[in-house]
Amino acid sequence: MIYILAIAMTVAMLIATLFGLHQEAERVRARNNSRRYDGFGINPSRRQF
């Protein structure tokens, strides 16, 4: 019985870890996309002088 509980908790923690990594990747991707385009067509980081 205790082994089944341990396996269930391990699987639950793996799923929670994968979900957290996915959320963090989405947050970073959204932050990079908003930084890349400011909505006015000119990317400030690629502006050439």
C-alpha atoms as a PDB file:
ATOM      1  CA  MET A   1       0.000   0.000   0.000  1.00  0.00           C
ATOM      2  CA  ILE A   2       2.751   2.467   0.864  1.00  0.00           C
ATOM      3  CA  TYR A   3       4.517   1.779  -2.435  1.00  0.00           C
ATOM      4  CA  ILE A   4       1.404   2.636  -4.414  1.00  0.00           C
ATOM      5  CA  LEU A   5       1.106   5.905  -2.488  1.00  0.00           C
ATOM      6  CA  ALA A   6       4.773   6.688  -3.105  1.00  0.00           C
ATOM      7  CA  ILE A   7       4.402   6.010  -6.836  1.00  0.00           C
ATOM      8  CA  ALA A   8       1.259   8.150  -6.999  1.00  0.00           C
ATOM      9  CA  MET A   9       2.988  11.041  -5.235  1.00  0.00           C
ATOM     10  CA  THR A  10       6.033  10.748  -7.510  1.00  0.00           C
ATOM     11  CA  VAL A  11       3.865  10.840 -10.628  1.00  0.00           C
ATOM     12  CA  ALA A  12       1.908  13.805  -9.233  1.00  0.00           C
ATOM     13  CA  MET A  13       5.121  15.718  -8.536  1.00  0.00           C
ATOM     14  CA  LEU A  14       6.467  14.972 -12.033  1.00  0.00           C
ATOM     15  CA  ILE A  15       3.250  16.269 -13.580  1.00  0.00           C
ATOM     16  CA  ALA A  16       3.350  19.379 -11.390  1.00  0.00           C
ATOM     17  CA  THR A  17       6.980  19.999 -12.350  1.00  0.00           C
ATOM     18  CA  LEU A  18       6.235  19.663 -16.065  1.00  0.00           C
ATOM     19  CA  PHE A  19       3.256  22.001 -15.719  1.00  0.00           C
ATOM     20  CA  GLY A  20       5.398  24.568 -13.897  1.00  0.00           C
ATOM     21  CA  LEU A  21       8.127  24.385 -16.536  1.00  0.00           C
ATOM     22  CA  HIS A  22       5.534  24.844 -19.259  1.00  0.00           C
ATOM     23  CA  GLN A  23       4.062  27.889 -17.517  1.00  0.00           C
ATOM     24  CA  GLU A  24       7.505  29.440 -17.046  1.00  0.00           C
ATOM     25  CA  ALA A  25       8.385  28.847 -20.707  1.00  0.00           C
ATOM     26  CA  GLU A  26       5.145  30.524 -21.796  1.00  0.00           C
ATOM     27  CA  ARG A  27       5.841  33.482 -19.511  1.00  0.00           C
ATOM     28  CA  VAL A  28       9.355  33.921 -20.917  1.00  0.00           C
ATOM     29  CA  ARG A  29       8.098  33.541 -24.491  1.00  0.00           C
ATOM     30  CA  ALA A  30       5.380  36.150 -23.943  1.00  0.00           C
ATOM     31  CA  ARG A  31       7.866  38.548 -22.340  1.00  0.00           C
ATOM     32  CA  ASN A  32      10.283  38.145 -25.261  1.00  0.00           C
ATOM     33  CA  ASN A  33       7.521  38.677 -27.813  1.00  0.00           C
ATOM     34  CA  SER A  34       6.299  41.838 -26.105  1.00  0.00           C
ATOM     35  CA  ARG A  35       9.860  43.125 -25.901  1.00  0.00           C
ATOM     36  CA  ARG A  36      10.545  42.266 -29.532  1.00  0.00           C
ATOM     37  CA  TYR A  37       7.615  44.250 -30.982  1.00  0.00           C
ATOM     38  CA  ASP A  38       6.304  47.374 -29.354  1.00  0.00           C
ATOM     39  CA  GLY A  39       3.362  47.646 -31.740  1.00  0.00           C
ATOM     40  CA  PHE A  40       4.615  50.476 -33.950  1.00  0.00           C
ATOM     41  CA  GLY A  41       6.532  48.505 -36.535  1.00  0.00           C
ATOM     42  CA  ILE A  42      10.033  49.605 -35.535  1.00  0.00           C
ATOM     43  CA  ASN A  43      11.943  47.271 -33.314  1.00  0.00           C
ATOM     44  CA  PRO A  44      14.064  49.451 -30.987  1.00  0.00           C
ATOM     45  CA  SER A  45      16.689  46.741 -30.573  1.00  0.00           C
ATOM     46  CA  ARG A  46      17.251  46.496 -34.357  1.00  0.00           C
ATOM     47  CA  ARG A  47      17.226  50.200 -35.083  1.00  0.00           C
ATOM     48  CA  GLN A  48      20.228  51.157 -37.200  1.00  0.00           C
ATOM     49  CA  PHE A  49      21.851  54.562 -36.994  1.00  0.00           C
END
